[in-house]
């Protein structure tokens, strides 16, 4: 299932140049909803020390974090009709947005390393860093 979703994610984001803004926004919303559900699954897997499942869940976040910036082309901002929560500040300060996304990528990769080492302290800290990266970006760039 995760491989299929990862392929879907890559397909969606690689076709951004050919999609309407409504399609881009719809797909972006869909990916964020999936990401939220996946974070919960990741947390559950960590709590029961299911490293294999946690690594599988985290694979989505690594791919999504590396492609996320492509899901925010200029002009795909929120409006009263498109259901997007993306703040216009993303495009006004794209460098800051990129910093948040880079932090998400870094924290996902670090957590992946911790899971492979099966070091519980690093895993707990890594998950907290990942969750914080998401929350901080949402605080700054989500309506």
C-alpha atoms as a PDB file:
ATOM      1  CA  UNK A   1       0.000   0.000   0.000  1.00  0.00           C
ATOM      2  CA  UNK A   2       2.768   2.443   0.921  1.00  0.00           C
ATOM      3  CA  UNK A   3       4.654   1.738  -2.301  1.00  0.00           C
ATOM      4  CA  UNK A   4       1.504   2.407  -4.287  1.00  0.00           C
ATOM      5  CA  UNK A   5       0.920   5.672  -2.435  1.00  0.00           C
ATOM      6  CA  UNK A   6       4.541   6.706  -2.943  1.00  0.00           C
ATOM      7  CA  UNK A   7       4.209   6.070  -6.669  1.00  0.00           C
ATOM      8  CA  UNK A   8       0.953   8.041  -6.668  1.00  0.00           C
ATOM      9  CA  UNK A   9       2.663  10.882  -4.803  1.00  0.00           C
ATOM     10  CA  UNK A  10       5.500  11.032  -7.297  1.00  0.00           C
ATOM     11  CA  UNK A  11       3.033  10.904 -10.195  1.00  0.00           C
ATOM     12  CA  UNK A  12       0.888  13.704  -8.750  1.00  0.00           C
ATOM     13  CA  UNK A  13       3.807  15.980  -8.050  1.00  0.00           C
ATOM     14  CA  UNK A  14       5.605  15.284 -11.304  1.00  0.00           C
ATOM     15  CA  UNK A  15       2.468  16.290 -13.211  1.00  0.00           C
ATOM     16  CA  UNK A  16       2.077  19.635 -11.408  1.00  0.00           C
ATOM     17  CA  UNK A  17       3.233  21.520 -14.488  1.00  0.00           C
ATOM     18  CA  UNK A  18       0.368  20.020 -16.492  1.00  0.00           C
ATOM     19  CA  UNK A  19      -2.379  20.278 -13.869  1.00  0.00           C
ATOM     20  CA  UNK A  20      -4.803  23.073 -13.187  1.00  0.00           C
ATOM     21  CA  UNK A  21      -4.414  24.949  -9.924  1.00  0.00           C
ATOM     22  CA  UNK A  22      -7.584  23.262  -8.663  1.00  0.00           C
ATOM     23  CA  UNK A  23      -6.003  19.834  -9.267  1.00  0.00           C
ATOM     24  CA  UNK A  24      -2.757  20.899  -7.630  1.00  0.00           C
ATOM     25  CA  UNK A  25      -4.608  22.196  -4.582  1.00  0.00           C
ATOM     26  CA  UNK A  26      -6.851  19.111  -4.380  1.00  0.00           C
ATOM     27  CA  UNK A  27      -3.831  16.791  -4.542  1.00  0.00           C
ATOM     28  CA  UNK A  28      -1.927  18.882  -1.996  1.00  0.00           C
ATOM     29  CA  UNK A  29      -4.854  18.754   0.448  1.00  0.00           C
ATOM     30  CA  UNK A  30      -5.085  15.002  -0.078  1.00  0.00           C
ATOM     31  CA  UNK A  31      -1.370  14.541   0.649  1.00  0.00           C
ATOM     32  CA  UNK A  32      -1.560  16.609   3.842  1.00  0.00           C
ATOM     33  CA  UNK A  33      -4.538  14.585   5.065  1.00  0.00           C
ATOM     34  CA  UNK A  34      -2.654  11.392   4.363  1.00  0.00           C
ATOM     35  CA  UNK A  35       0.406  12.818   6.086  1.00  0.00           C
ATOM     36  CA  UNK A  36      -1.588  13.557   9.236  1.00  0.00           C
ATOM     37  CA  UNK A  37      -2.977  10.024   9.331  1.00  0.00           C
ATOM     38  CA  UNK A  38       0.472   8.624   8.655  1.00  0.00           C
ATOM     39  CA  UNK A  39       2.006  10.566  11.561  1.00  0.00           C
ATOM     40  CA  UNK A  40      -0.539   8.897  13.847  1.00  0.00           C
ATOM     41  CA  UNK A  41       0.330   5.462  12.435  1.00  0.00           C
ATOM     42  CA  UNK A  42       4.028   6.232  12.833  1.00  0.00           C
ATOM     43  CA  UNK A  43       3.503   7.252  16.458  1.00  0.00           C
ATOM     44  CA  UNK A  44       1.558   4.053  17.145  1.00  0.00           C
ATOM     45  CA  UNK A  45       4.241   1.896  15.553  1.00  0.00           C
ATOM     46  CA  UNK A  46       6.919   3.598  17.646  1.00  0.00           C
ATOM     47  CA  UNK A  47       4.909   3.134  20.839  1.00  0.00           C
ATOM     48  CA  UNK A  48       4.659  -0.633  20.270  1.00  0.00           C
ATOM     49  CA  UNK A  49       8.278  -0.766  19.045  1.00  0.00           C
ATOM     50  CA  UNK A  50       7.311  -2.016  15.586  1.00  0.00           C
ATOM     51  CA  UNK A  51      10.401  -0.669  13.863  1.00  0.00           C
ATOM     52  CA  UNK A  52       9.573  -2.230  10.501  1.00  0.00           C
ATOM     53  CA  UNK A  53       6.138  -0.582  10.346  1.00  0.00           C
ATOM     54  CA  UNK A  54       7.591   2.723  11.570  1.00  0.00           C
ATOM     55  CA  UNK A  55      10.218   2.703   8.816  1.00  0.00           C
ATOM     56  CA  UNK A  56       7.504   1.902   6.270  1.00  0.00           C
ATOM     57  CA  UNK A  57       5.347   4.819   7.483  1.00  0.00           C
ATOM     58  CA  UNK A  58       8.322   7.134   7.561  1.00  0.00           C
ATOM     59  CA  UNK A  59       9.189   6.365   3.940  1.00  0.00           C
ATOM     60  CA  UNK A  60       6.132   8.369   2.923  1.00  0.00           C
ATOM     61  CA  UNK A  61       7.307  11.386   4.948  1.00  0.00           C
ATOM     62  CA  UNK A  62      10.765  11.306   3.435  1.00  0.00           C
ATOM     63  CA  UNK A  63       9.365  11.267  -0.104  1.00  0.00           C
ATOM     64  CA  UNK A  64       6.661  13.845   0.688  1.00  0.00           C
ATOM     65  CA  UNK A  65       9.154  16.178   2.354  1.00  0.00           C
ATOM     66  CA  UNK A  66      11.415  16.027  -0.691  1.00  0.00           C
ATOM     67  CA  UNK A  67       8.547  16.802  -3.076  1.00  0.00           C
ATOM     68  CA  UNK A  68       6.454  19.144  -0.941  1.00  0.00           C
ATOM     69  CA  UNK A  69       7.778  22.408  -2.367  1.00  0.00           C
ATOM     70  CA  UNK A  70       6.588  21.317  -5.823  1.00  0.00           C
ATOM     71  CA  UNK A  71       3.023  21.158  -4.458  1.00  0.00           C
ATOM     72  CA  UNK A  72       3.020  24.936  -3.925  1.00  0.00           C
ATOM     73  CA  UNK A  73       3.403  26.525  -7.358  1.00  0.00           C
ATOM     74  CA  UNK A  74       2.810  30.253  -7.541  1.00  0.00           C
ATOM     75  CA  UNK A  75      -0.916  30.885  -7.899  1.00  0.00           C
ATOM     76  CA  UNK A  76      -2.083  27.851  -5.914  1.00  0.00           C
ATOM     77  CA  UNK A  77      -2.910  29.863  -2.802  1.00  0.00           C
ATOM     78  CA  UNK A  78      -6.023  29.498  -0.696  1.00  0.00           C
ATOM     79  CA  UNK A  79      -9.280  31.079  -1.735  1.00  0.00           C
ATOM     80  CA  UNK A  80     -12.847  30.938  -0.493  1.00  0.00           C
ATOM     81  CA  UNK A  81     -13.659  28.280  -3.087  1.00  0.00           C
ATOM     82  CA  UNK A  82     -10.751  25.839  -3.181  1.00  0.00           C
ATOM     83  CA  UNK A  83     -10.604  24.474   0.389  1.00  0.00           C
ATOM     84  CA  UNK A  84      -6.903  25.171   0.813  1.00  0.00           C
ATOM     85  CA  UNK A  85      -5.499  26.200   4.186  1.00  0.00           C
ATOM     86  CA  UNK A  86      -2.247  27.439   2.640  1.00  0.00           C
ATOM     87  CA  UNK A  87      -1.416  30.946   3.791  1.00  0.00           C
ATOM     88  CA  UNK A  88      -0.388  33.486   1.164  1.00  0.00           C
ATOM     89  CA  UNK A  89       2.687  33.989   3.366  1.00  0.00           C
ATOM     90  CA  UNK A  90       4.128  30.838   1.769  1.00  0.00           C
ATOM     91  CA  UNK A  91       4.594  32.671  -1.507  1.00  0.00           C
ATOM     92  CA  UNK A  92       5.498  35.995   0.118  1.00  0.00           C
ATOM     93  CA  UNK A  93       8.324  34.329   2.034  1.00  0.00           C
ATOM     94  CA  UNK A  94       9.098  31.151   0.120  1.00  0.00           C
ATOM     95  CA  UNK A  95      12.642  30.992   1.526  1.00  0.00           C
ATOM     96  CA  UNK A  96      11.280  30.682   5.058  1.00  0.00           C
ATOM     97  CA  UNK A  97       8.781  28.064   3.855  1.00  0.00           C
ATOM     98  CA  UNK A  98      11.664  26.146   2.264  1.00  0.00           C
ATOM     99  CA  UNK A  99      13.529  26.245   5.591  1.00  0.00           C
ATOM    100  CA  UNK A 100      10.561  24.625   7.326  1.00  0.00           C
ATOM    101  CA  UNK A 101      10.286  21.984   4.612  1.00  0.00           C
ATOM    102  CA  UNK A 102      14.025  21.309   4.832  1.00  0.00           C
ATOM    103  CA  UNK A 103      13.652  20.840   8.585  1.00  0.00           C
ATOM    104  CA  UNK A 104      10.860  18.342   7.950  1.00  0.00           C
ATOM    105  CA  UNK A 105      13.144  16.453   5.541  1.00  0.00           C
ATOM    106  CA  UNK A 106      16.067  16.524   7.972  1.00  0.00           C
ATOM    107  CA  UNK A 107      13.973  15.327  10.894  1.00  0.00           C
ATOM    108  CA  UNK A 108      12.411  12.516   8.826  1.00  0.00           C
ATOM    109  CA  UNK A 109      15.839  11.287   7.716  1.00  0.00           C
ATOM    110  CA  UNK A 110      17.206  11.498  11.264  1.00  0.00           C
ATOM    111  CA  UNK A 111      14.267   9.517  12.599  1.00  0.00           C
ATOM    112  CA  UNK A 112      14.829   6.931   9.879  1.00  0.00           C
ATOM    113  CA  UNK A 113      18.458   6.560  10.990  1.00  0.00           C
ATOM    114  CA  UNK A 114      17.371   6.236  14.617  1.00  0.00           C
ATOM    115  CA  UNK A 115      14.826   3.550  13.719  1.00  0.00           C
ATOM    116  CA  UNK A 116      17.464   1.578  11.817  1.00  0.00           C
ATOM    117  CA  UNK A 117      19.747   1.765  14.862  1.00  0.00           C
ATOM    118  CA  UNK A 118      16.798   0.809  17.094  1.00  0.00           C
ATOM    119  CA  UNK A 119      17.922   3.393  19.637  1.00  0.00           C
ATOM    120  CA  UNK A 120      14.793   4.231  21.630  1.00  0.00           C
ATOM    121  CA  UNK A 121      16.079   7.586  22.925  1.00  0.00           C
ATOM    122  CA  UNK A 122      17.001   8.729  19.424  1.00  0.00           C
ATOM    123  CA  UNK A 123      13.665   7.427  18.114  1.00  0.00           C
ATOM    124  CA  UNK A 124      11.626   9.342  20.693  1.00  0.00           C
ATOM    125  CA  UNK A 125      13.626  12.528  20.126  1.00  0.00           C
ATOM    126  CA  UNK A 126      13.469  12.024  16.370  1.00  0.00           C
ATOM    127  CA  UNK A 127       9.700  11.639  16.393  1.00  0.00           C
ATOM    128  CA  UNK A 128       9.350  14.763  18.538  1.00  0.00           C
ATOM    129  CA  UNK A 129      11.548  16.672  16.072  1.00  0.00           C
ATOM    130  CA  UNK A 130       9.420  15.470  13.158  1.00  0.00           C
ATOM    131  CA  UNK A 131       6.160  16.443  14.872  1.00  0.00           C
ATOM    132  CA  UNK A 132       7.629  19.828  15.843  1.00  0.00           C
ATOM    133  CA  UNK A 133       8.737  20.471  12.253  1.00  0.00           C
ATOM    134  CA  UNK A 134       5.161  19.919  11.088  1.00  0.00           C
ATOM    135  CA  UNK A 135       3.602  22.028  13.852  1.00  0.00           C
ATOM    136  CA  UNK A 136       6.031  24.918  13.410  1.00  0.00           C
ATOM    137  CA  UNK A 137       5.377  25.129   9.682  1.00  0.00           C
ATOM    138  CA  UNK A 138       1.623  24.915  10.174  1.00  0.00           C
ATOM    139  CA  UNK A 139       1.786  27.648  12.795  1.00  0.00           C
ATOM    140  CA  UNK A 140       3.530  29.959  10.341  1.00  0.00           C
ATOM    141  CA  UNK A 141       1.935  29.020   7.036  1.00  0.00           C
ATOM    142  CA  UNK A 142      -1.513  27.546   7.603  1.00  0.00           C
ATOM    143  CA  UNK A 143      -4.716  29.601   7.697  1.00  0.00           C
END
